[in-house]
Amino acid sequence: MTTTAQTPDKTAIRDAATVIVVRDRRGDDPQVLMGQRGAKAAFMPNKFVFPGGAVDEADHQIPLAGAVAPSCQERLCADGGAQVWQALCVAAVRELWEETGLILGRPGVWQGELPEDWKSYAATGHVPDASGLSFVFRALTPPGRPRRFDARFFLLEAEQLAGDLDDFSRACDELSHLQWIPLSQVRRFDLPFITEVVLAEVTANLSRETPPESTPFFRNDDEESLFLRLYGRKKRAGE
């Protein structure tokens, strides 16, 4: 996760992107990529989590070589997301690179001046491509936590990544013990509550040939917690 020069208000809700990378999705026991947060981390210390983090200001300026599917874009734009959907996809690519050293992108040459956070990624000879991402979950961190995020979770098949899937040598130190964990064993690890909820939703949909009709939204406001569905458009009669 990249730190910015200006320290944000700890109580502010920040847009964030999380990437659930699934390996051997159609195998007998698919695996997900996870790592452990540090013991001194302000947010979810010691927990095993998926790669991800907050959207940076520069993410709003980075073009995508490929966008998410129209249905995913519609749902990302729902409920206040219209101004940030592309930056969320960009952040997903960047955070995956920073925290795991794995590349989601296509070969290409960058144009213009590069933001500092993107120089190491650009040096691999790739440009960000979000077409392999699928928007599968949204969750708002409950009040009272040291950090609050409006997190969008993206599913990605590992085969979409460039390079060696077991080479984490270029990862930063944000996550330790990076590993591919079989879904049959993942609940033996120390997981945040929301991660368990997301895993249950994702696991139920891995065998589907077509995407689900909606995206779950676990919304924790100051007044109440709601489990909603994002459709991205008004449903027609009979749907």
C-alpha atoms as a PDB file:
ATOM      1  CA  MET A   1       0.000   0.000   0.000  1.00  0.00           C
ATOM      2  CA  THR A   2       1.480   3.334  -1.002  1.00  0.00           C
ATOM      3  CA  THR A   3       1.769   6.143   1.532  1.00  0.00           C
ATOM      4  CA  THR A   4       1.106   9.684   0.401  1.00  0.00           C
ATOM      5  CA  ALA A   5       2.858  12.888   1.388  1.00  0.00           C
ATOM      6  CA  GLN A   6      -0.296  14.210   3.053  1.00  0.00           C
ATOM      7  CA  THR A   7      -1.637  12.193   5.964  1.00  0.00           C
ATOM      8  CA  PRO A   8      -5.385  11.645   5.525  1.00  0.00           C
ATOM      9  CA  ASP A   9      -7.959  12.152   8.251  1.00  0.00           C
ATOM     10  CA  LYS A  10      -8.075   8.808  10.071  1.00  0.00           C
ATOM     11  CA  THR A  11     -11.865   8.998  10.348  1.00  0.00           C
ATOM     12  CA  ALA A  12     -12.391   9.761   6.662  1.00  0.00           C
ATOM     13  CA  ILE A  13     -13.781   7.015   4.445  1.00  0.00           C
ATOM     14  CA  ARG A  14     -11.334   6.322   1.618  1.00  0.00           C
ATOM     15  CA  ASP A  15     -12.100   4.498  -1.613  1.00  0.00           C
ATOM     16  CA  ALA A  16     -10.085   1.292  -1.845  1.00  0.00           C
ATOM     17  CA  ALA A  17      -9.568  -1.686  -4.136  1.00  0.00           C
ATOM     18  CA  THR A  18      -8.886  -5.290  -3.148  1.00  0.00           C
ATOM     19  CA  VAL A  19      -7.911  -8.091  -5.537  1.00  0.00           C
ATOM     20  CA  ILE A  20      -8.918 -11.718  -5.006  1.00  0.00           C
ATOM     21  CA  VAL A  21      -6.608 -13.664  -7.290  1.00  0.00           C
ATOM     22  CA  VAL A  22      -7.820 -17.213  -7.880  1.00  0.00           C
ATOM     23  CA  ARG A  23      -5.532 -19.913  -9.242  1.00  0.00           C
ATOM     24  CA  ASP A  24      -6.884 -23.088 -10.883  1.00  0.00           C
ATOM     25  CA  ARG A  25     -10.426 -21.747 -10.617  1.00  0.00           C
ATOM     26  CA  ARG A  26     -11.955 -24.779 -12.298  1.00  0.00           C
ATOM     27  CA  GLY A  27      -9.788 -27.312 -10.481  1.00  0.00           C
ATOM     28  CA  ASP A  28     -10.761 -29.518  -7.571  1.00  0.00           C
ATOM     29  CA  ASP A  29      -9.414 -27.085  -4.969  1.00  0.00           C
ATOM     30  CA  PRO A  30      -8.811 -23.537  -6.266  1.00  0.00           C
ATOM     31  CA  GLN A  31      -6.271 -21.359  -4.467  1.00  0.00           C
ATOM     32  CA  VAL A  32      -6.361 -17.692  -3.475  1.00  0.00           C
ATOM     33  CA  LEU A  33      -3.398 -15.374  -3.013  1.00  0.00           C
ATOM     34  CA  MET A  34      -3.088 -13.920   0.497  1.00  0.00           C
ATOM     35  CA  GLY A  35      -0.493 -12.376   2.795  1.00  0.00           C
ATOM     36  CA  GLN A  36      -0.225 -11.379   6.435  1.00  0.00           C
ATOM     37  CA  ARG A  37      -0.346  -7.794   7.662  1.00  0.00           C
ATOM     38  CA  GLY A  38       2.264  -6.682  10.173  1.00  0.00           C
ATOM     39  CA  ALA A  39       1.742  -6.821  13.924  1.00  0.00           C
ATOM     40  CA  LYS A  40       2.097  -3.021  14.169  1.00  0.00           C
ATOM     41  CA  ALA A  41      -0.272  -2.203  11.309  1.00  0.00           C
ATOM     42  CA  ALA A  42      -2.994   0.280  12.280  1.00  0.00           C
ATOM     43  CA  PHE A  43      -5.580  -1.585  10.227  1.00  0.00           C
ATOM     44  CA  MET A  44      -6.167  -5.329  10.710  1.00  0.00           C
ATOM     45  CA  PRO A  45      -2.805  -6.200  12.345  1.00  0.00           C
ATOM     46  CA  ASN A  46      -1.634  -9.819  11.954  1.00  0.00           C
ATOM     47  CA  LYS A  47      -4.598 -10.715   9.759  1.00  0.00           C
ATOM     48  CA  PHE A  48      -4.290 -12.646   6.490  1.00  0.00           C
ATOM     49  CA  VAL A  49      -5.772 -10.532   3.722  1.00  0.00           C
ATOM     50  CA  PHE A  50      -5.988 -10.158  -0.036  1.00  0.00           C
ATOM     51  CA  PRO A  51      -3.711  -7.605  -1.726  1.00  0.00           C
ATOM     52  CA  GLY A  52      -5.244  -4.143  -1.850  1.00  0.00           C
ATOM     53  CA  GLY A  53      -5.325  -0.612  -0.520  1.00  0.00           C
ATOM     54  CA  ALA A  54      -6.622   2.910  -0.842  1.00  0.00           C
ATOM     55  CA  VAL A  55      -6.926   4.824  -4.091  1.00  0.00           C
ATOM     56  CA  ASP A  56      -4.112   7.371  -4.515  1.00  0.00           C
ATOM     57  CA  GLU A  57      -4.609  10.769  -6.117  1.00  0.00           C
ATOM     58  CA  ALA A  58      -2.399   9.785  -9.067  1.00  0.00           C
ATOM     59  CA  ASP A  59      -4.633   6.784  -9.801  1.00  0.00           C
ATOM     60  CA  HIS A  60      -7.260   9.160 -11.186  1.00  0.00           C
ATOM     61  CA  GLN A  61      -4.848  10.237 -13.945  1.00  0.00           C
ATOM     62  CA  ILE A  62      -3.654   6.808 -15.130  1.00  0.00           C
ATOM     63  CA  PRO A  63      -5.265   5.518 -18.362  1.00  0.00           C
ATOM     64  CA  LEU A  64      -6.294   1.894 -18.736  1.00  0.00           C
ATOM     65  CA  ALA A  65      -5.349  -0.176 -21.772  1.00  0.00           C
ATOM     66  CA  GLY A  66      -8.470  -2.247 -21.143  1.00  0.00           C
ATOM     67  CA  ALA A  67     -11.523  -1.580 -18.977  1.00  0.00           C
ATOM     68  CA  VAL A  68     -13.708  -3.891 -16.917  1.00  0.00           C
ATOM     69  CA  ALA A  69     -16.805  -5.400 -18.516  1.00  0.00           C
ATOM     70  CA  PRO A  70     -19.762  -3.006 -18.970  1.00  0.00           C
ATOM     71  CA  SER A  71     -21.836  -4.815 -16.322  1.00  0.00           C
ATOM     72  CA  CYS A  72     -19.033  -4.395 -13.774  1.00  0.00           C
ATOM     73  CA  GLN A  73     -18.601  -0.756 -14.714  1.00  0.00           C
ATOM     74  CA  GLU A  74     -22.321  -0.115 -14.179  1.00  0.00           C
ATOM     75  CA  ARG A  75     -22.177  -1.605 -10.697  1.00  0.00           C
ATOM     76  CA  LEU A  76     -18.983   0.256  -9.817  1.00  0.00           C
ATOM     77  CA  CYS A  77     -20.735   3.478 -10.810  1.00  0.00           C
ATOM     78  CA  ALA A  78     -23.779   2.714  -8.660  1.00  0.00           C
ATOM     79  CA  ASP A  79     -24.321   4.415  -5.295  1.00  0.00           C
ATOM     80  CA  GLY A  80     -21.792   7.221  -5.703  1.00  0.00           C
ATOM     81  CA  GLY A  81     -19.080   5.404  -7.633  1.00  0.00           C
ATOM     82  CA  ALA A  82     -19.356   7.145 -10.999  1.00  0.00           C
ATOM     83  CA  GLN A  83     -16.438   9.513 -10.358  1.00  0.00           C
ATOM     84  CA  VAL A  84     -14.061   6.882  -9.035  1.00  0.00           C
ATOM     85  CA  TRP A  85     -14.726   3.606 -10.876  1.00  0.00           C
ATOM     86  CA  GLN A  86     -11.715   3.861 -13.198  1.00  0.00           C
ATOM     87  CA  ALA A  87      -9.376   4.961 -10.402  1.00  0.00           C
ATOM     88  CA  LEU A  88     -10.496   1.896  -8.431  1.00  0.00           C
ATOM     89  CA  CYS A  89      -9.474  -0.381 -11.301  1.00  0.00           C
ATOM     90  CA  VAL A  90      -6.141   1.429 -11.603  1.00  0.00           C
ATOM     91  CA  ALA A  91      -5.574   1.121  -7.849  1.00  0.00           C
ATOM     92  CA  ALA A  92      -6.262  -2.614  -8.061  1.00  0.00           C
ATOM     93  CA  VAL A  93      -3.483  -3.017 -10.639  1.00  0.00           C
ATOM     94  CA  ARG A  94      -1.057  -0.849  -8.656  1.00  0.00           C
ATOM     95  CA  GLU A  95      -1.721  -2.434  -5.267  1.00  0.00           C
ATOM     96  CA  LEU A  96      -1.382  -5.922  -6.699  1.00  0.00           C
ATOM     97  CA  TRP A  97       1.992  -4.956  -8.157  1.00  0.00           C
ATOM     98  CA  GLU A  98       3.250  -3.220  -5.018  1.00  0.00           C
ATOM     99  CA  GLU A  99       2.164  -5.875  -2.535  1.00  0.00           C
ATOM    100  CA  THR A 100       2.892  -9.041  -4.548  1.00  0.00           C
ATOM    101  CA  GLY A 101       5.195  -8.069  -7.432  1.00  0.00           C
ATOM    102  CA  LEU A 102       2.739  -9.655  -9.882  1.00  0.00           C
ATOM    103  CA  ILE A 103       1.821  -7.853 -13.092  1.00  0.00           C
ATOM    104  CA  LEU A 104      -1.712  -7.270 -14.312  1.00  0.00           C
ATOM    105  CA  GLY A 105      -1.340  -5.531 -17.657  1.00  0.00           C
ATOM    106  CA  ARG A 106      -0.414  -5.870 -21.292  1.00  0.00           C
ATOM    107  CA  PRO A 107       2.903  -5.090 -23.018  1.00  0.00           C
ATOM    108  CA  GLY A 108       3.079  -1.414 -23.902  1.00  0.00           C
ATOM    109  CA  VAL A 109       4.947   1.869 -23.682  1.00  0.00           C
ATOM    110  CA  TRP A 110       3.898   4.650 -21.308  1.00  0.00           C
ATOM    111  CA  GLN A 111       3.336   8.146 -22.657  1.00  0.00           C
ATOM    112  CA  GLY A 112       4.179  11.352 -20.777  1.00  0.00           C
ATOM    113  CA  GLU A 113       5.543  11.837 -17.277  1.00  0.00           C
ATOM    114  CA  LEU A 114       5.195   8.925 -14.889  1.00  0.00           C
ATOM    115  CA  PRO A 115       3.946   9.295 -11.309  1.00  0.00           C
ATOM    116  CA  GLU A 116       6.530   8.038  -8.821  1.00  0.00           C
ATOM    117  CA  ASP A 117       4.277   5.190  -7.669  1.00  0.00           C
ATOM    118  CA  TRP A 118       4.139   3.791 -11.195  1.00  0.00           C
ATOM    119  CA  LYS A 119       7.785   3.899 -12.254  1.00  0.00           C
ATOM    120  CA  SER A 120       8.680   0.376 -11.117  1.00  0.00           C
ATOM    121  CA  TYR A 121       5.571  -1.060 -12.772  1.00  0.00           C
ATOM    122  CA  ALA A 122       6.268   0.786 -16.033  1.00  0.00           C
ATOM    123  CA  ALA A 123       9.840  -0.540 -16.013  1.00  0.00           C
ATOM    124  CA  THR A 124       8.425  -4.048 -16.575  1.00  0.00           C
ATOM    125  CA  GLY A 125       7.240  -2.939 -20.025  1.00  0.00           C
ATOM    126  CA  HIS A 126       3.534  -3.170 -19.250  1.00  0.00           C
ATOM    127  CA  VAL A 127       0.587  -0.789 -19.120  1.00  0.00           C
ATOM    128  CA  PRO A 128      -2.365  -1.394 -16.758  1.00  0.00           C
ATOM    129  CA  ASP A 129      -5.200  -3.501 -18.132  1.00  0.00           C
ATOM    130  CA  ALA A 130      -8.318  -4.040 -16.002  1.00  0.00           C
ATOM    131  CA  SER A 131     -10.258  -6.188 -18.471  1.00  0.00           C
ATOM    132  CA  GLY A 132      -9.587  -9.340 -16.433  1.00  0.00           C
ATOM    133  CA  LEU A 133     -11.087  -7.879 -13.248  1.00  0.00           C
ATOM    134  CA  SER A 134     -14.608  -8.728 -12.150  1.00  0.00           C
ATOM    135  CA  PHE A 135     -16.343  -6.605  -9.496  1.00  0.00           C
ATOM    136  CA  VAL A 136     -17.691  -9.086  -6.950  1.00  0.00           C
ATOM    137  CA  PHE A 137     -18.175  -7.337  -3.587  1.00  0.00           C
ATOM    138  CA  ARG A 138     -18.292  -3.937  -1.886  1.00  0.00           C
ATOM    139  CA  ALA A 139     -17.912  -3.286   1.831  1.00  0.00           C
ATOM    140  CA  LEU A 140     -17.853  -0.173   3.989  1.00  0.00           C
ATOM    141  CA  THR A 141     -15.712  -0.405   7.129  1.00  0.00           C
ATOM    142  CA  PRO A 142     -17.877  -0.030  10.276  1.00  0.00           C
ATOM    143  CA  PRO A 143     -17.654   3.159  12.366  1.00  0.00           C
ATOM    144  CA  GLY A 144     -15.183   3.249  15.246  1.00  0.00           C
ATOM    145  CA  ARG A 145     -12.291   1.642  13.387  1.00  0.00           C
ATOM    146  CA  PRO A 146      -8.874   3.386  13.135  1.00  0.00           C
ATOM    147  CA  ARG A 147      -9.242   3.404   9.348  1.00  0.00           C
ATOM    148  CA  ARG A 148     -12.416   3.357   7.276  1.00  0.00           C
ATOM    149  CA  PHE A 149     -12.574   2.229   3.650  1.00  0.00           C
ATOM    150  CA  ASP A 150     -15.218   1.935   0.973  1.00  0.00           C
ATOM    151  CA  ALA A 151     -13.618  -1.181  -0.489  1.00  0.00           C
ATOM    152  CA  ARG A 152     -14.447  -2.737  -3.828  1.00  0.00           C
ATOM    153  CA  PHE A 153     -13.346  -6.350  -4.214  1.00  0.00           C
ATOM    154  CA  PHE A 154     -12.273  -7.600  -7.632  1.00  0.00           C
ATOM    155  CA  LEU A 155     -11.959 -11.241  -8.685  1.00  0.00           C
ATOM    156  CA  LEU A 156      -9.093 -12.083 -11.023  1.00  0.00           C
ATOM    157  CA  GLU A 157      -8.055 -15.407 -12.512  1.00  0.00           C
ATOM    158  CA  ALA A 158      -4.325 -15.913 -11.990  1.00  0.00           C
ATOM    159  CA  GLU A 159      -3.874 -16.882 -15.618  1.00  0.00           C
ATOM    160  CA  GLN A 160      -4.471 -13.219 -16.511  1.00  0.00           C
ATOM    161  CA  LEU A 161      -1.195 -12.232 -14.817  1.00  0.00           C
ATOM    162  CA  ALA A 162       2.123 -11.882 -16.614  1.00  0.00           C
ATOM    163  CA  GLY A 163       5.204 -13.746 -15.417  1.00  0.00           C
ATOM    164  CA  ASP A 164       5.901 -16.361 -12.759  1.00  0.00           C
ATOM    165  CA  LEU A 165       2.952 -16.719 -10.383  1.00  0.00           C
ATOM    166  CA  ASP A 166       5.247 -17.933  -7.578  1.00  0.00           C
ATOM    167  CA  ASP A 167       7.780 -15.105  -7.802  1.00  0.00           C
ATOM    168  CA  PHE A 168       7.073 -12.504  -5.113  1.00  0.00           C
ATOM    169  CA  SER A 169      10.609 -11.130  -5.062  1.00  0.00           C
ATOM    170  CA  ARG A 170       9.521  -7.677  -6.284  1.00  0.00           C
ATOM    171  CA  ALA A 171       6.856  -7.219  -3.614  1.00  0.00           C
ATOM    172  CA  CYS A 172       7.115  -4.480  -0.997  1.00  0.00           C
ATOM    173  CA  ASP A 173       7.055  -5.400   2.697  1.00  0.00           C
ATOM    174  CA  GLU A 174       3.386  -4.500   3.262  1.00  0.00           C
ATOM    175  CA  LEU A 175       2.394  -8.184   3.366  1.00  0.00           C
ATOM    176  CA  SER A 176       4.487 -11.074   4.634  1.00  0.00           C
ATOM    177  CA  HIS A 177       4.051 -14.816   4.093  1.00  0.00           C
ATOM    178  CA  LEU A 178       2.592 -14.324   0.621  1.00  0.00           C
ATOM    179  CA  GLN A 179       1.224 -17.651  -0.541  1.00  0.00           C
ATOM    180  CA  TRP A 180      -1.383 -19.459  -2.595  1.00  0.00           C
ATOM    181  CA  ILE A 181      -3.862 -20.958  -0.128  1.00  0.00           C
ATOM    182  CA  PRO A 182      -6.290 -23.721  -1.161  1.00  0.00           C
ATOM    183  CA  LEU A 183      -9.893 -22.741  -0.482  1.00  0.00           C
ATOM    184  CA  SER A 184     -10.300 -25.945   1.513  1.00  0.00           C
ATOM    185  CA  GLN A 185      -7.685 -24.656   4.001  1.00  0.00           C
ATOM    186  CA  VAL A 186      -8.120 -20.876   3.969  1.00  0.00           C
ATOM    187  CA  ARG A 187     -10.356 -20.687   7.040  1.00  0.00           C
ATOM    188  CA  ARG A 188      -7.577 -22.142   9.168  1.00  0.00           C
ATOM    189  CA  PHE A 189      -5.845 -18.773   8.878  1.00  0.00           C
ATOM    190  CA  ASP A 190      -6.559 -15.662  10.954  1.00  0.00           C
ATOM    191  CA  LEU A 191      -8.965 -13.805   8.661  1.00  0.00           C
ATOM    192  CA  PRO A 192     -10.897 -10.563   9.148  1.00  0.00           C
ATOM    193  CA  PHE A 193     -14.652 -11.014   9.397  1.00  0.00           C
ATOM    194  CA  ILE A 194     -15.306  -9.250   6.100  1.00  0.00           C
ATOM    195  CA  THR A 195     -12.775 -11.478   4.335  1.00  0.00           C
ATOM    196  CA  GLU A 196     -14.697 -14.544   5.476  1.00  0.00           C
ATOM    197  CA  VAL A 197     -17.924 -13.016   4.157  1.00  0.00           C
ATOM    198  CA  VAL A 198     -16.337 -12.209   0.796  1.00  0.00           C
ATOM    199  CA  LEU A 199     -14.794 -15.678   0.523  1.00  0.00           C
ATOM    200  CA  ALA A 200     -18.167 -17.322   1.079  1.00  0.00           C
ATOM    201  CA  GLU A 201     -19.713 -15.208  -1.675  1.00  0.00           C
ATOM    202  CA  VAL A 202     -16.874 -15.790  -4.112  1.00  0.00           C
ATOM    203  CA  THR A 203     -16.663 -19.528  -3.456  1.00  0.00           C
ATOM    204  CA  ALA A 204     -20.376 -19.894  -4.166  1.00  0.00           C
ATOM    205  CA  ASN A 205     -19.929 -18.275  -7.578  1.00  0.00           C
ATOM    206  CA  LEU A 206     -16.652 -19.827  -8.789  1.00  0.00           C
ATOM    207  CA  SER A 207     -18.384 -22.610 -10.687  1.00  0.00           C
ATOM    208  CA  ARG A 208     -20.757 -20.243 -12.496  1.00  0.00           C
ATOM    209  CA  GLU A 209     -20.247 -19.877 -16.229  1.00  0.00           C
ATOM    210  CA  THR A 210     -21.933 -16.466 -16.264  1.00  0.00           C
ATOM    211  CA  PRO A 211     -21.444 -13.600 -13.790  1.00  0.00           C
ATOM    212  CA  PRO A 212     -24.100 -13.100 -11.089  1.00  0.00           C
ATOM    213  CA  GLU A 213     -26.783 -10.501 -11.793  1.00  0.00           C
ATOM    214  CA  SER A 214     -25.762  -8.260  -8.901  1.00  0.00           C
ATOM    215  CA  THR A 215     -22.869  -7.369  -6.596  1.00  0.00           C
ATOM    216  CA  PRO A 216     -23.293  -7.589  -2.794  1.00  0.00           C
ATOM    217  CA  PHE A 217     -22.743  -4.372  -0.807  1.00  0.00           C
ATOM    218  CA  PHE A 218     -22.126  -4.682   2.946  1.00  0.00           C
ATOM    219  CA  ARG A 219     -22.852  -1.118   4.022  1.00  0.00           C
ATOM    220  CA  ASN A 220     -21.980  -0.063   7.573  1.00  0.00           C
ATOM    221  CA  ASP A 221     -23.277   3.444   8.180  1.00  0.00           C
ATOM    222  CA  ASP A 222     -23.317   5.299  11.477  1.00  0.00           C
ATOM    223  CA  GLU A 223     -26.996   4.446  11.923  1.00  0.00           C
ATOM    224  CA  GLU A 224     -27.211   0.838  10.724  1.00  0.00           C
ATOM    225  CA  SER A 225     -25.614  -2.027   8.823  1.00  0.00           C
ATOM    226  CA  LEU A 226     -27.262  -3.117   5.585  1.00  0.00           C
ATOM    227  CA  PHE A 227     -26.602  -5.955   3.160  1.00  0.00           C
ATOM    228  CA  LEU A 228     -27.576  -4.559  -0.235  1.00  0.00           C
ATOM    229  CA  ARG A 229     -27.294  -5.540  -3.892  1.00  0.00           C
ATOM    230  CA  LEU A 230     -25.848  -3.360  -6.643  1.00  0.00           C
ATOM    231  CA  TYR A 231     -27.432  -3.880 -10.049  1.00  0.00           C
ATOM    232  CA  GLY A 232     -26.027  -0.847 -11.852  1.00  0.00           C
ATOM    233  CA  ARG A 233     -29.333  -0.206 -13.600  1.00  0.00           C
ATOM    234  CA  LYS A 234     -32.998  -0.323 -12.791  1.00  0.00           C
ATOM    235  CA  LYS A 235     -34.288  -3.857 -13.056  1.00  0.00           C
ATOM    236  CA  ARG A 236     -37.034  -4.465 -15.575  1.00  0.00           C
ATOM    237  CA  ALA A 237     -40.249  -6.278 -14.762  1.00  0.00           C
ATOM    238  CA  GLY A 238     -39.780 -10.031 -14.815  1.00  0.00           C
ATOM    239  CA  GLU A 239     -36.019  -9.942 -14.077  1.00  0.00           C
END
